[in-house]
Amino acid sequence: MCNCIDIIPQSKECYDQMVVIEIPKHMSKYKNNRVKSGLGKHVAIDPCIFIEIWQLWKKGITTYGCCCGHNKLEPFVNVDKKNIKQMLKMGYIPNHYDLTRNDTFRLKSVQFP
């Protein structure tokens, strides 16, 4: 369970507590596309899952979005399709809320209540 008490996903309170970090070098294509579309070269990550996302980046995993769930939704990370097999080998479980997507995985560092 994360420390998000009564924090609504995508609310001001949610964004105020996030860790803002530059997108890593191995994700330069994603970073460049974000900059071209006006979004910038940084991403905001929930603090309770930051270390897990950073560890995935260190292993070369390209992520496209993540959320701790704020004790309201199941924590998840979206990864590039080229990383799906690697995620499965590392013991990640596909997110069961959307079985039409195979690139969304449950996070290990935060348990859903």
N, C-alpha and C. Protein backbone atom coordinates (compact mmCIF):
# COMPACT_ATOMS: atom_id res chain seq x y z
N MET A 1 0.85 -1.18 0.00
CA MET A 1 0.00 0.00 0.00
C MET A 1 0.89 1.24 0.00
N CYS A 2 0.54 2.23 -0.81
CA CYS A 2 1.36 3.43 -0.86
C CYS A 2 0.85 4.45 0.16
N ASN A 3 1.57 5.55 0.27
CA ASN A 3 1.22 6.59 1.24
C ASN A 3 0.22 7.61 0.71
N CYS A 4 -0.36 7.34 -0.43
CA CYS A 4 -1.35 8.26 -0.99
C CYS A 4 -2.67 8.09 -0.24
N ILE A 5 -2.93 8.98 0.67
CA ILE A 5 -4.17 8.94 1.45
C ILE A 5 -5.08 10.03 0.89
N ASP A 6 -6.22 9.63 0.39
CA ASP A 6 -7.21 10.56 -0.17
C ASP A 6 -6.64 11.44 -1.27
N ILE A 7 -5.70 10.92 -2.05
CA ILE A 7 -5.18 11.65 -3.20
C ILE A 7 -5.84 11.09 -4.45
N ILE A 8 -6.51 11.94 -5.17
CA ILE A 8 -7.22 11.54 -6.37
C ILE A 8 -6.23 11.51 -7.53
N PRO A 9 -6.17 10.39 -8.28
CA PRO A 9 -5.27 10.33 -9.43
C PRO A 9 -5.50 11.52 -10.37
N GLN A 10 -4.41 12.09 -10.86
CA GLN A 10 -4.37 13.21 -11.78
C GLN A 10 -4.86 14.53 -11.18
N SER A 11 -4.96 14.60 -9.85
CA SER A 11 -5.34 15.85 -9.20
C SER A 11 -4.10 16.70 -8.93
N LYS A 12 -4.28 17.94 -8.52
CA LYS A 12 -3.16 18.82 -8.18
C LYS A 12 -2.34 18.21 -7.05
N GLU A 13 -3.00 17.67 -6.03
CA GLU A 13 -2.30 17.04 -4.90
C GLU A 13 -1.44 15.87 -5.38
N CYS A 14 -1.94 15.16 -6.36
CA CYS A 14 -1.21 14.02 -6.92
C CYS A 14 0.08 14.51 -7.59
N TYR A 15 -0.04 15.50 -8.44
CA TYR A 15 1.13 16.00 -9.17
C TYR A 15 2.11 16.74 -8.26
N ASP A 16 1.62 17.39 -7.22
CA ASP A 16 2.50 18.12 -6.31
C ASP A 16 3.50 17.22 -5.59
N GLN A 17 3.15 15.96 -5.37
CA GLN A 17 4.02 15.06 -4.62
C GLN A 17 4.93 14.21 -5.50
N MET A 18 4.84 14.33 -6.80
CA MET A 18 5.60 13.47 -7.70
C MET A 18 7.08 13.86 -7.81
N VAL A 19 7.88 12.86 -8.18
CA VAL A 19 9.30 13.06 -8.47
C VAL A 19 9.39 13.39 -9.96
N VAL A 20 10.01 14.52 -10.28
CA VAL A 20 10.18 14.92 -11.67
C VAL A 20 11.62 14.64 -12.07
N ILE A 21 11.78 13.89 -13.15
CA ILE A 21 13.12 13.45 -13.57
C ILE A 21 13.19 13.45 -15.10
N GLU A 22 14.40 13.71 -15.60
CA GLU A 22 14.59 13.68 -17.04
C GLU A 22 14.51 12.24 -17.56
N ILE A 23 13.91 12.09 -18.69
CA ILE A 23 13.79 10.78 -19.33
C ILE A 23 15.19 10.27 -19.65
N PRO A 24 15.48 9.00 -19.32
CA PRO A 24 16.84 8.47 -19.51
C PRO A 24 17.26 8.35 -20.98
N LYS A 25 18.57 8.25 -21.19
CA LYS A 25 19.14 8.23 -22.53
C LYS A 25 18.63 7.08 -23.39
N HIS A 26 18.42 5.91 -22.79
CA HIS A 26 17.98 4.77 -23.60
C HIS A 26 16.57 4.97 -24.15
N MET A 27 15.87 5.99 -23.68
CA MET A 27 14.52 6.30 -24.14
C MET A 27 14.52 7.59 -24.97
N SER A 28 15.60 7.84 -25.70
CA SER A 28 15.76 9.11 -26.42
C SER A 28 14.69 9.31 -27.50
N LYS A 29 14.27 8.26 -28.17
CA LYS A 29 13.22 8.41 -29.19
C LYS A 29 11.92 8.90 -28.54
N TYR A 30 11.55 8.29 -27.43
CA TYR A 30 10.36 8.72 -26.69
C TYR A 30 10.51 10.16 -26.21
N LYS A 31 11.68 10.46 -25.67
CA LYS A 31 11.97 11.81 -25.17
C LYS A 31 11.84 12.84 -26.30
N ASN A 32 12.45 12.56 -27.44
CA ASN A 32 12.39 13.48 -28.57
C ASN A 32 10.96 13.68 -29.07
N ASN A 33 10.19 12.62 -29.11
CA ASN A 33 8.78 12.73 -29.52
C ASN A 33 7.99 13.60 -28.54
N ARG A 34 8.27 13.46 -27.25
CA ARG A 34 7.59 14.29 -26.25
C ARG A 34 7.96 15.76 -26.43
N VAL A 35 9.24 16.03 -26.65
CA VAL A 35 9.69 17.41 -26.82
C VAL A 35 9.04 18.02 -28.06
N LYS A 36 9.01 17.26 -29.16
CA LYS A 36 8.39 17.75 -30.40
C LYS A 36 6.91 18.09 -30.20
N SER A 37 6.24 17.33 -29.35
CA SER A 37 4.81 17.57 -29.14
C SER A 37 4.55 18.59 -28.03
N GLY A 38 5.63 19.15 -27.46
CA GLY A 38 5.48 20.20 -26.46
C GLY A 38 5.37 19.72 -25.02
N LEU A 39 5.61 18.44 -24.77
CA LEU A 39 5.47 17.90 -23.41
C LEU A 39 6.74 18.03 -22.57
N GLY A 40 7.88 18.19 -23.18
CA GLY A 40 9.10 18.34 -22.41
C GLY A 40 9.87 17.04 -22.25
N LYS A 41 11.09 17.16 -21.70
CA LYS A 41 11.99 16.01 -21.57
C LYS A 41 11.99 15.39 -20.18
N HIS A 42 11.06 15.78 -19.33
CA HIS A 42 10.95 15.24 -17.98
C HIS A 42 9.62 14.51 -17.81
N VAL A 43 9.61 13.55 -16.90
CA VAL A 43 8.37 12.86 -16.54
C VAL A 43 8.18 12.96 -15.03
N ALA A 44 6.95 12.86 -14.60
CA ALA A 44 6.61 12.88 -13.17
C ALA A 44 6.21 11.47 -12.76
N ILE A 45 6.82 11.00 -11.67
CA ILE A 45 6.59 9.63 -11.19
C ILE A 45 6.18 9.69 -9.73
N ASP A 46 5.18 8.88 -9.38
CA ASP A 46 4.77 8.80 -7.98
C ASP A 46 5.97 8.37 -7.13
N PRO A 47 6.21 9.03 -5.99
CA PRO A 47 7.42 8.75 -5.20
C PRO A 47 7.50 7.31 -4.70
N CYS A 48 6.37 6.68 -4.44
CA CYS A 48 6.40 5.32 -3.89
C CYS A 48 6.79 4.27 -4.92
N ILE A 49 6.79 4.62 -6.22
CA ILE A 49 7.20 3.66 -7.24
C ILE A 49 8.44 4.12 -8.00
N PHE A 50 8.97 5.27 -7.63
CA PHE A 50 10.11 5.83 -8.36
C PHE A 50 11.29 4.86 -8.43
N ILE A 51 11.66 4.25 -7.32
CA ILE A 51 12.84 3.36 -7.30
C ILE A 51 12.62 2.17 -8.23
N GLU A 52 11.43 1.62 -8.23
CA GLU A 52 11.16 0.48 -9.11
C GLU A 52 11.26 0.90 -10.58
N ILE A 53 10.71 2.05 -10.93
CA ILE A 53 10.79 2.53 -12.30
C ILE A 53 12.24 2.81 -12.67
N TRP A 54 12.99 3.43 -11.79
CA TRP A 54 14.41 3.71 -12.02
C TRP A 54 15.19 2.41 -12.24
N GLN A 55 14.86 1.37 -11.45
CA GLN A 55 15.53 0.07 -11.62
C GLN A 55 15.20 -0.55 -12.98
N LEU A 56 13.95 -0.40 -13.42
CA LEU A 56 13.59 -0.89 -14.74
C LEU A 56 14.38 -0.15 -15.82
N TRP A 57 14.51 1.16 -15.66
CA TRP A 57 15.30 1.95 -16.62
C TRP A 57 16.74 1.47 -16.65
N LYS A 58 17.31 1.17 -15.49
CA LYS A 58 18.70 0.69 -15.43
C LYS A 58 18.87 -0.61 -16.20
N LYS A 59 17.81 -1.39 -16.31
CA LYS A 59 17.84 -2.65 -17.05
C LYS A 59 17.51 -2.45 -18.53
N GLY A 60 17.32 -1.20 -18.93
CA GLY A 60 17.04 -0.90 -20.33
C GLY A 60 15.58 -0.97 -20.73
N ILE A 61 14.70 -1.11 -19.76
CA ILE A 61 13.26 -1.16 -20.05
C ILE A 61 12.78 0.25 -20.42
N THR A 62 12.04 0.34 -21.51
CA THR A 62 11.44 1.60 -21.92
C THR A 62 10.02 1.63 -21.37
N THR A 63 9.74 2.64 -20.57
CA THR A 63 8.40 2.78 -19.98
C THR A 63 7.68 3.96 -20.62
N TYR A 64 6.36 3.85 -20.70
CA TYR A 64 5.55 4.91 -21.31
C TYR A 64 4.51 5.47 -20.36
N GLY A 65 4.52 5.09 -19.16
CA GLY A 65 3.56 5.60 -18.19
C GLY A 65 3.49 4.65 -17.02
N CYS A 66 3.22 5.20 -15.86
CA CYS A 66 3.11 4.38 -14.67
C CYS A 66 2.29 5.14 -13.63
N CYS A 67 1.77 4.40 -12.68
CA CYS A 67 0.99 5.01 -11.60
C CYS A 67 0.96 4.07 -10.41
N CYS A 68 1.07 4.61 -9.22
CA CYS A 68 1.01 3.78 -8.01
C CYS A 68 -0.43 3.36 -7.71
N GLY A 69 -1.39 4.01 -8.35
CA GLY A 69 -2.79 3.68 -8.14
C GLY A 69 -3.45 4.46 -7.03
N HIS A 70 -2.65 5.10 -6.18
CA HIS A 70 -3.16 5.95 -5.09
C HIS A 70 -4.17 5.22 -4.20
N ASN A 71 -3.95 3.93 -4.01
CA ASN A 71 -4.81 3.07 -3.20
C ASN A 71 -6.24 2.99 -3.73
N LYS A 72 -6.42 3.40 -4.99
CA LYS A 72 -7.74 3.35 -5.61
C LYS A 72 -7.75 2.43 -6.83
N LEU A 73 -6.59 2.31 -7.47
CA LEU A 73 -6.44 1.51 -8.68
C LEU A 73 -5.21 0.62 -8.53
N GLU A 74 -5.13 -0.42 -9.33
CA GLU A 74 -3.96 -1.30 -9.28
C GLU A 74 -2.73 -0.57 -9.85
N PRO A 75 -1.60 -0.59 -9.14
CA PRO A 75 -0.37 0.04 -9.65
C PRO A 75 0.06 -0.61 -10.97
N PHE A 76 0.53 0.22 -11.92
CA PHE A 76 0.91 -0.33 -13.22
C PHE A 76 2.06 0.43 -13.84
N VAL A 77 2.67 -0.22 -14.84
CA VAL A 77 3.67 0.41 -15.71
C VAL A 77 3.41 -0.10 -17.12
N ASN A 78 3.44 0.82 -18.08
CA ASN A 78 3.35 0.47 -19.50
C ASN A 78 4.77 0.42 -20.04
N VAL A 79 5.07 -0.62 -20.80
CA VAL A 79 6.42 -0.77 -21.35
C VAL A 79 6.35 -0.89 -22.86
N ASP A 80 7.49 -0.68 -23.50
CA ASP A 80 7.59 -0.86 -24.94
C ASP A 80 7.39 -2.34 -25.26
N LYS A 81 6.79 -2.60 -26.38
CA LYS A 81 6.50 -3.98 -26.77
C LYS A 81 7.77 -4.84 -26.83
N LYS A 82 8.92 -4.22 -27.16
CA LYS A 82 10.17 -4.99 -27.22
C LYS A 82 10.61 -5.49 -25.84
N ASN A 83 10.05 -4.94 -24.78
CA ASN A 83 10.44 -5.31 -23.41
C ASN A 83 9.48 -6.28 -22.73
N ILE A 84 8.42 -6.70 -23.42
CA ILE A 84 7.41 -7.57 -22.80
C ILE A 84 8.02 -8.87 -22.31
N LYS A 85 8.80 -9.56 -23.14
CA LYS A 85 9.40 -10.84 -22.74
C LYS A 85 10.33 -10.66 -21.55
N GLN A 86 11.10 -9.57 -21.55
CA GLN A 86 12.02 -9.29 -20.44
C GLN A 86 11.24 -9.08 -19.14
N MET A 87 10.13 -8.36 -19.22
CA MET A 87 9.30 -8.13 -18.03
C MET A 87 8.77 -9.46 -17.49
N LEU A 88 8.30 -10.31 -18.38
CA LEU A 88 7.78 -11.62 -17.95
C LEU A 88 8.89 -12.46 -17.32
N LYS A 89 10.10 -12.42 -17.89
CA LYS A 89 11.22 -13.16 -17.33
C LYS A 89 11.60 -12.66 -15.94
N MET A 90 11.38 -11.37 -15.69
CA MET A 90 11.68 -10.79 -14.38
C MET A 90 10.54 -11.03 -13.38
N GLY A 91 9.51 -11.74 -13.79
CA GLY A 91 8.44 -12.10 -12.88
C GLY A 91 7.30 -11.09 -12.80
N TYR A 92 7.25 -10.15 -13.73
CA TYR A 92 6.15 -9.20 -13.73
C TYR A 92 4.89 -9.85 -14.27
N ILE A 93 3.77 -9.47 -13.70
CA ILE A 93 2.47 -10.04 -14.07
C ILE A 93 1.71 -9.00 -14.88
N PRO A 94 1.14 -9.41 -16.02
CA PRO A 94 0.33 -8.47 -16.78
C PRO A 94 -0.82 -7.92 -15.93
N ASN A 95 -1.12 -6.66 -16.14
CA ASN A 95 -2.22 -6.00 -15.44
C ASN A 95 -3.52 -6.63 -15.90
N HIS A 96 -4.32 -7.09 -14.97
CA HIS A 96 -5.53 -7.82 -15.34
C HIS A 96 -6.74 -6.92 -15.64
N TYR A 97 -6.61 -5.61 -15.49
CA TYR A 97 -7.75 -4.74 -15.76
C TYR A 97 -8.00 -4.54 -17.25
N ASP A 98 -7.00 -4.72 -18.08
CA ASP A 98 -7.17 -4.55 -19.51
C ASP A 98 -6.43 -5.67 -20.22
N LEU A 99 -7.12 -6.76 -20.42
CA LEU A 99 -6.49 -7.94 -21.02
C LEU A 99 -6.26 -7.77 -22.52
N THR A 100 -6.74 -6.68 -23.11
CA THR A 100 -6.49 -6.43 -24.52
C THR A 100 -5.09 -5.89 -24.74
N ARG A 101 -4.44 -5.43 -23.66
CA ARG A 101 -3.07 -4.90 -23.76
C ARG A 101 -2.12 -5.87 -23.09
N ASN A 102 -1.03 -6.19 -23.76
CA ASN A 102 -0.05 -7.08 -23.13
C ASN A 102 1.21 -6.32 -22.75
N ASP A 103 1.16 -4.99 -22.81
CA ASP A 103 2.33 -4.18 -22.47
C ASP A 103 2.16 -3.43 -21.15
N THR A 104 1.14 -3.78 -20.40
CA THR A 104 0.88 -3.14 -19.11
C THR A 104 1.06 -4.19 -18.01
N PHE A 105 1.91 -3.85 -17.03
CA PHE A 105 2.24 -4.81 -15.97
C PHE A 105 1.96 -4.23 -14.59
N ARG A 106 1.66 -5.13 -13.66
CA ARG A 106 1.52 -4.74 -12.26
C ARG A 106 2.90 -4.39 -11.71
N LEU A 107 2.94 -3.42 -10.84
CA LEU A 107 4.20 -3.09 -10.16
C LEU A 107 4.35 -3.97 -8.94
N LYS A 108 5.60 -4.23 -8.56
CA LYS A 108 5.89 -5.09 -7.41
C LYS A 108 6.04 -4.31 -6.11
N SER A 109 6.45 -3.03 -6.20
CA SER A 109 6.81 -2.28 -4.99
C SER A 109 5.62 -1.76 -4.21
N VAL A 110 4.45 -1.72 -4.82
CA VAL A 110 3.24 -1.21 -4.15
C VAL A 110 2.14 -2.23 -4.34
N GLN A 111 1.56 -2.65 -3.25
CA GLN A 111 0.47 -3.63 -3.32
C GLN A 111 -0.88 -2.92 -3.34
N PHE A 112 -1.74 -3.43 -4.17
CA PHE A 112 -3.10 -2.88 -4.24
C PHE A 112 -3.90 -3.43 -3.06
N PRO A 113 -4.60 -2.52 -2.38
CA PRO A 113 -5.36 -2.97 -1.19
C PRO A 113 -6.35 -4.07 -1.47
